Structures are given as structure tokens and as C-alpha cells.
Amino acid sequence: MKKRVSEIGQEFMLRGGKRLRPRLCEAVYRSIAPDGIANIGPLKEAVECFHKASLIHDDIQDSSRTRGGMPTVWVEYGVPLAIAAGDWLLAHGMRLIAEAGFPNGADMLGLVASTILSLCEGQGDELAGCGDYVSVCERKTGSLFALAAGLGALAAGADPKPYCEWGCVYGVLFQVNDDIRDGGESPRLVSLAHEYEKRLASLGLDNFLQAAGDMFRPTDSVSSSLCKPSPAKVGNPPPLAF
């Protein structure tokens, strides 16, 4: 059955996941503007678009044949269509933000552009073998969490910088712990995890984490005691409606 790239992109968006990045976007917005009435649904959807686009492209470059127990997009539809579907998701996410009507929309799109540049450079350095581990983590994983947090702050009319910094540090910790689960507790990775747990705690956003509550539950995504939920809340969050 033939499908358009828009259909392939939308289909991949619906495959599920914890939706941590859009949840972080909303959590930041609500922590700053608890009574805010802005429609941030397009921002949350855009953040997920950027994340899913990066997964499609990563799977091609890494020759990964499955993701989450399902065939990767390039395996199912071929490399050319998969590349186009990832590109479509990037463009669709930018259009969502441009049409959302925020007065500081240009700042939001500027942050998106910087994030995509960072993501591409991080991926390029990893493929070329010329980037150190932490730098690649910051640009590939940290940048998208930073974007999610920054967009939430901008939607609330706040300075995005401290929230972007928190998102980047959280993203590195997320990646380090993911690599520990995949490859074992090497001394270097365990040391990095402890280092970034301390950095996360030092950023002074405890009130944000408390305000986030059930909206942003890292569950077992990081091992940090700062982010770990109570036992009653462990598990995947319910489906996210953008």
C-alpha cells in the first residue's frame, strides 16, 4: 500500500512512547504560569515531531531494523521515504510553532533552529568519530530536552535559559543511564551519572520539579534520587493528548 510521507510521519508519531519531552514542555509552562490559558498543545506536538524525526534519521544511520519491537520506518518503507518522512516531521513541527500565534514565536523558532543545528552536529560528530561522549550526549539528547523546557518557559513569558540548562543536564543524565542499562555499569558511566545527578540538583529548580507533579514523571528514565517518583507513581504515564 502506497503512503504519502505525511501519512508515514503521522503514523510514526502515534507509535507511542513516554512523551517525556512534551510533558516537560507543559510542566515548565504550568510551573511558571499555573493559571495560564495559552494553548501550548502545538508546542508539545512540535517537540515530539522533532524527537520522532531524529529517531527516524538515527535508525537509518545506525542501520537499526527494529524500534520498540516494530520495524523501523526505513525497513518498512525504504530509506528514501524514511528520510523524507523525518524531514516532513521537522517541517511540520516548525509550522505548528509558527502558526501557534505566540507573540514571541520568532524566539521559539530561533530556539528550534539552534536545537536542530546542535542535533545534526552532534550526530555528525558521533558518526565521524570526532566528538567526545558527553558533548555528543549534550547535543543529541540534551538539546531536545532543553528545547522542550525552553519552549514551555517562552510560552509563559519567562527567560528560557535556566530551564534550557536544566533540560540539557537532565537529557545527558537520561542518556547516560540509558547507556548503563544497555551496556552495563562501566565505572566511567556510573561516575558520569553521579556527576550529572549533582549538577541537576545544583540548578535550584526543585520548585519546578514539585510543580510538575504527575505532568512530568521521569519514572525509571534516570536514576537520580531527585527525579525518582514515589513507588505508587512508577510506570508509563497515560497517553498524551496534544
Protein backbone atom coordinates (compact mmCIF):
# COMPACT_ATOMS: atom_id res chain seq x y z
CA MET A 1 0.00 0.00 0.00
CA LYS A 2 1.45 3.35 -1.06
CA LYS A 3 1.61 6.08 1.56
CA ARG A 4 2.49 9.77 1.46
CA VAL A 5 5.34 10.99 3.62
CA SER A 6 2.85 12.91 5.77
CA GLU A 7 0.99 9.67 6.48
CA ILE A 8 4.22 7.86 7.36
CA GLY A 9 5.26 10.68 9.69
CA GLN A 10 1.88 10.82 11.41
CA GLU A 11 1.81 7.04 11.75
CA PHE A 12 5.21 7.08 13.46
CA MET A 13 4.03 9.83 15.80
CA LEU A 14 1.27 7.52 17.00
CA ARG A 15 3.56 4.61 17.85
CA GLY A 16 3.63 5.67 21.47
CA GLY A 17 6.37 6.29 23.98
CA LYS A 18 6.54 8.12 27.28
CA ARG A 19 6.24 11.54 25.63
CA LEU A 20 8.73 12.92 28.16
CA ARG A 21 9.66 15.96 26.07
CA PRO A 22 6.14 17.33 25.51
CA ARG A 23 5.34 16.60 29.15
CA LEU A 24 8.40 18.57 30.19
CA CYS A 25 7.28 21.45 27.98
CA GLU A 26 3.90 21.61 29.71
CA ALA A 27 5.37 21.08 33.17
CA VAL A 28 7.66 24.09 32.74
CA TYR A 29 4.79 26.22 31.44
CA ARG A 30 2.50 25.24 34.34
CA SER A 31 5.21 25.76 36.95
CA ILE A 32 5.70 29.34 35.75
CA ALA A 33 2.11 30.18 34.86
CA PRO A 34 -0.14 27.84 36.89
CA ASP A 35 -3.22 29.81 35.82
CA GLY A 36 -2.04 30.35 32.25
CA ILE A 37 -4.54 29.94 29.44
CA ALA A 38 -2.18 29.73 26.47
CA ASN A 39 -2.75 26.83 24.11
CA ILE A 40 0.59 25.03 24.25
CA GLY A 41 -0.69 21.91 22.50
CA PRO A 42 1.07 22.88 19.24
CA LEU A 43 4.36 23.33 21.11
CA LYS A 44 4.10 19.91 22.73
CA GLU A 45 3.27 18.28 19.43
CA ALA A 46 6.14 20.11 17.73
CA VAL A 47 8.65 18.90 20.34
CA GLU A 48 7.51 15.33 19.76
CA CYS A 49 7.77 15.83 15.99
CA PHE A 50 11.41 16.87 16.34
CA HIS A 51 12.17 13.92 18.59
CA LYS A 52 10.48 11.40 16.29
CA ALA A 53 12.23 12.86 13.24
CA SER A 54 15.58 12.36 14.95
CA LEU A 55 14.69 8.73 15.67
CA ILE A 56 13.79 8.04 12.04
CA HIS A 57 17.06 9.52 10.82
CA ASP A 58 19.11 7.83 13.59
CA ASP A 59 17.70 4.44 12.69
CA ILE A 60 18.79 4.89 9.07
CA GLN A 61 22.30 5.98 10.02
CA ASP A 62 22.68 3.21 12.61
CA SER A 63 21.11 0.56 10.32
CA SER A 64 18.68 -0.30 13.12
CA ARG A 65 15.98 -2.66 11.89
CA THR A 66 13.61 -2.53 14.86
CA ARG A 67 12.47 0.05 17.40
CA GLY A 68 10.21 -0.83 20.29
CA GLY A 69 9.58 -4.25 18.84
CA MET A 70 8.41 -2.88 15.50
CA PRO A 71 10.17 -2.45 12.15
CA THR A 72 11.91 0.89 11.81
CA VAL A 73 10.49 3.31 9.26
CA TRP A 74 13.28 2.75 6.74
CA VAL A 75 12.82 -1.03 6.93
CA GLU A 76 9.08 -0.70 6.38
CA TYR A 77 9.09 1.97 3.66
CA GLY A 78 12.65 2.19 2.36
CA VAL A 79 15.41 4.69 3.04
CA PRO A 80 14.31 7.48 0.64
CA LEU A 81 10.77 7.66 2.04
CA ALA A 82 12.02 7.39 5.61
CA ILE A 83 14.37 10.35 5.09
CA ALA A 84 11.52 12.35 3.59
CA ALA A 85 9.18 11.41 6.46
CA GLY A 86 11.73 12.59 9.01
CA ASP A 87 12.19 15.84 7.11
CA TRP A 88 8.41 16.25 6.97
CA LEU A 89 8.16 15.91 10.74
CA LEU A 90 10.82 18.62 11.21
CA ALA A 91 8.98 20.99 8.88
CA HIS A 92 5.59 20.15 10.36
CA GLY A 93 6.85 20.90 13.87
CA MET A 94 8.17 24.30 12.77
CA ARG A 95 4.89 25.11 11.07
CA LEU A 96 2.95 24.22 14.22
CA ILE A 97 5.01 26.72 16.22
CA ALA A 98 4.84 29.41 13.53
CA GLU A 99 1.04 29.13 13.39
CA ALA A 100 0.50 28.89 17.16
CA GLY A 101 0.17 32.67 17.47
CA PHE A 102 2.62 33.36 20.30
CA PRO A 103 3.95 36.95 20.23
CA ASN A 104 7.46 35.61 20.79
CA GLY A 105 7.10 32.96 18.11
CA ALA A 106 10.27 34.18 16.40
CA ASP A 107 12.23 33.45 19.59
CA MET A 108 10.69 29.99 19.71
CA LEU A 109 11.66 29.26 16.12
CA GLY A 110 15.15 30.61 16.77
CA LEU A 111 15.49 28.13 19.63
CA VAL A 112 14.24 25.34 17.35
CA ALA A 113 16.79 26.24 14.66
CA SER A 114 19.64 26.24 17.17
CA THR A 115 18.47 22.89 18.53
CA ILE A 116 18.30 21.22 15.12
CA LEU A 117 21.74 22.54 14.24
CA SER A 118 23.11 21.18 17.51
CA LEU A 119 21.39 17.85 16.96
CA CYS A 120 22.80 17.49 13.44
CA GLU A 121 26.30 18.45 14.55
CA GLY A 122 26.19 16.01 17.46
CA GLN A 123 25.02 13.19 15.22
CA GLY A 124 27.65 14.10 12.62
CA ASP A 125 30.45 14.08 15.19
CA GLU A 126 29.29 10.71 16.51
CA LEU A 127 29.22 9.20 13.02
CA ALA A 128 32.62 10.69 12.17
CA GLY A 129 34.11 9.60 15.48
CA CYS A 130 35.34 13.09 16.28
CA GLY A 131 33.15 14.06 19.23
CA ASP A 132 33.62 13.13 22.88
CA TYR A 133 30.83 11.18 24.60
CA VAL A 134 29.46 13.97 26.81
CA SER A 135 29.48 16.54 24.01
CA VAL A 136 27.52 14.17 21.77
CA CYS A 137 25.03 13.46 24.57
CA GLU A 138 24.54 17.16 25.18
CA ARG A 139 23.84 17.90 21.53
CA LYS A 140 21.86 14.79 20.58
CA THR A 141 19.78 14.06 23.70
CA GLY A 142 20.22 17.10 25.91
CA SER A 143 19.33 19.59 23.17
CA LEU A 144 15.80 18.25 22.65
CA PHE A 145 15.02 18.22 26.39
CA ALA A 146 16.44 21.74 26.56
CA LEU A 147 14.17 22.77 23.69
CA ALA A 148 11.12 21.28 25.40
CA ALA A 149 11.84 23.16 28.61
CA GLY A 150 12.74 26.37 26.78
CA LEU A 151 9.53 26.40 24.74
CA GLY A 152 7.50 25.94 27.91
CA ALA A 153 9.27 28.89 29.51
CA LEU A 154 8.85 31.10 26.43
CA ALA A 155 5.14 30.25 26.27
CA ALA A 156 4.87 31.54 29.85
CA GLY A 157 6.83 34.70 29.01
CA ALA A 158 9.86 33.71 31.08
CA ASP A 159 13.59 33.59 30.42
CA PRO A 160 14.19 30.16 28.89
CA LYS A 161 17.88 29.92 29.78
CA PRO A 162 17.68 28.29 33.25
CA TYR A 163 15.07 25.84 32.03
CA CYS A 164 17.07 25.01 28.92
CA GLU A 165 20.08 24.33 31.12
CA TRP A 166 18.02 22.04 33.35
CA GLY A 167 16.67 20.22 30.29
CA CYS A 168 20.13 19.70 28.83
CA VAL A 169 21.58 18.33 32.07
CA TYR A 170 18.55 16.09 32.51
CA GLY A 171 18.93 14.89 28.92
CA VAL A 172 22.57 13.92 29.43
CA LEU A 173 21.65 12.07 32.62
CA PHE A 174 18.81 10.37 30.74
CA GLN A 175 21.24 9.19 28.03
CA VAL A 176 23.95 8.08 30.46
CA ASN A 177 21.51 5.96 32.44
CA ASP A 178 20.05 4.55 29.23
CA ASP A 179 23.54 3.52 28.15
CA ILE A 180 24.16 1.97 31.58
CA ARG A 181 21.01 -0.13 31.19
CA ASP A 182 22.02 -1.18 27.68
CA GLY A 183 25.71 -1.82 28.19
CA GLY A 184 26.33 -2.38 31.88
CA GLU A 185 27.59 -0.21 34.70
CA SER A 186 31.02 0.80 33.47
CA PRO A 187 32.91 2.89 36.05
CA ARG A 188 33.03 5.87 33.68
CA LEU A 189 29.29 5.90 33.03
CA VAL A 190 28.43 5.44 36.71
CA SER A 191 30.74 8.32 37.57
CA LEU A 192 29.08 10.50 34.92
CA ALA A 193 25.63 9.61 36.24
CA HIS A 194 26.60 10.72 39.75
CA GLU A 195 28.17 13.90 38.37
CA TYR A 196 25.05 14.86 36.42
CA GLU A 197 22.74 13.99 39.30
CA LYS A 198 24.66 16.52 41.38
CA ARG A 199 24.55 19.08 38.57
CA LEU A 200 20.81 18.63 38.21
CA ALA A 201 20.29 19.15 41.94
CA SER A 202 22.54 22.23 41.94
CA LEU A 203 20.44 24.10 39.38
CA GLY A 204 17.92 25.10 42.05
CA LEU A 205 14.73 24.16 40.22
CA ASP A 206 13.29 21.98 42.99
CA ASN A 207 10.09 24.04 42.92
CA PHE A 208 9.70 23.27 39.22
CA LEU A 209 10.01 19.55 39.87
CA GLN A 210 7.44 19.76 42.65
CA ALA A 211 5.08 21.78 40.47
CA ALA A 212 5.49 19.30 37.63
CA GLY A 213 3.99 16.50 39.68
CA ASP A 214 2.30 13.87 37.56
CA MET A 215 2.70 16.01 34.45
CA PHE A 216 6.38 15.14 34.09
CA ARG A 217 7.26 11.82 35.66
CA PRO A 218 10.73 10.66 34.66
CA THR A 219 9.84 7.19 36.11
CA ASP A 220 12.88 4.98 35.60
CA SER A 221 14.33 7.11 32.80
CA VAL A 222 17.01 8.44 35.12
CA SER A 223 18.28 7.04 38.39
CA SER A 224 18.56 10.41 40.12
CA SER A 225 17.01 10.42 43.58
CA LEU A 226 15.95 13.98 42.82
CA CYS A 227 13.74 12.86 39.94
CA LYS A 228 12.61 9.42 41.10
CA PRO A 229 8.83 9.26 41.73
CA SER A 230 7.13 7.58 44.64
CA PRO A 231 6.51 3.83 44.20
CA ALA A 232 2.82 4.44 43.60
CA LYS A 233 3.60 6.51 40.53
CA VAL A 234 6.06 4.20 38.83
CA GLY A 235 5.06 3.13 35.34
CA ASN A 236 4.29 4.66 32.00
CA PRO A 237 2.13 7.79 32.13
CA PRO A 238 -1.24 7.77 30.38
CA PRO A 239 -1.39 8.66 26.66
CA LEU A 240 -0.73 12.32 25.99
CA ALA A 241 -3.31 14.41 24.19
CA PHE A 242 -1.56 17.32 22.46
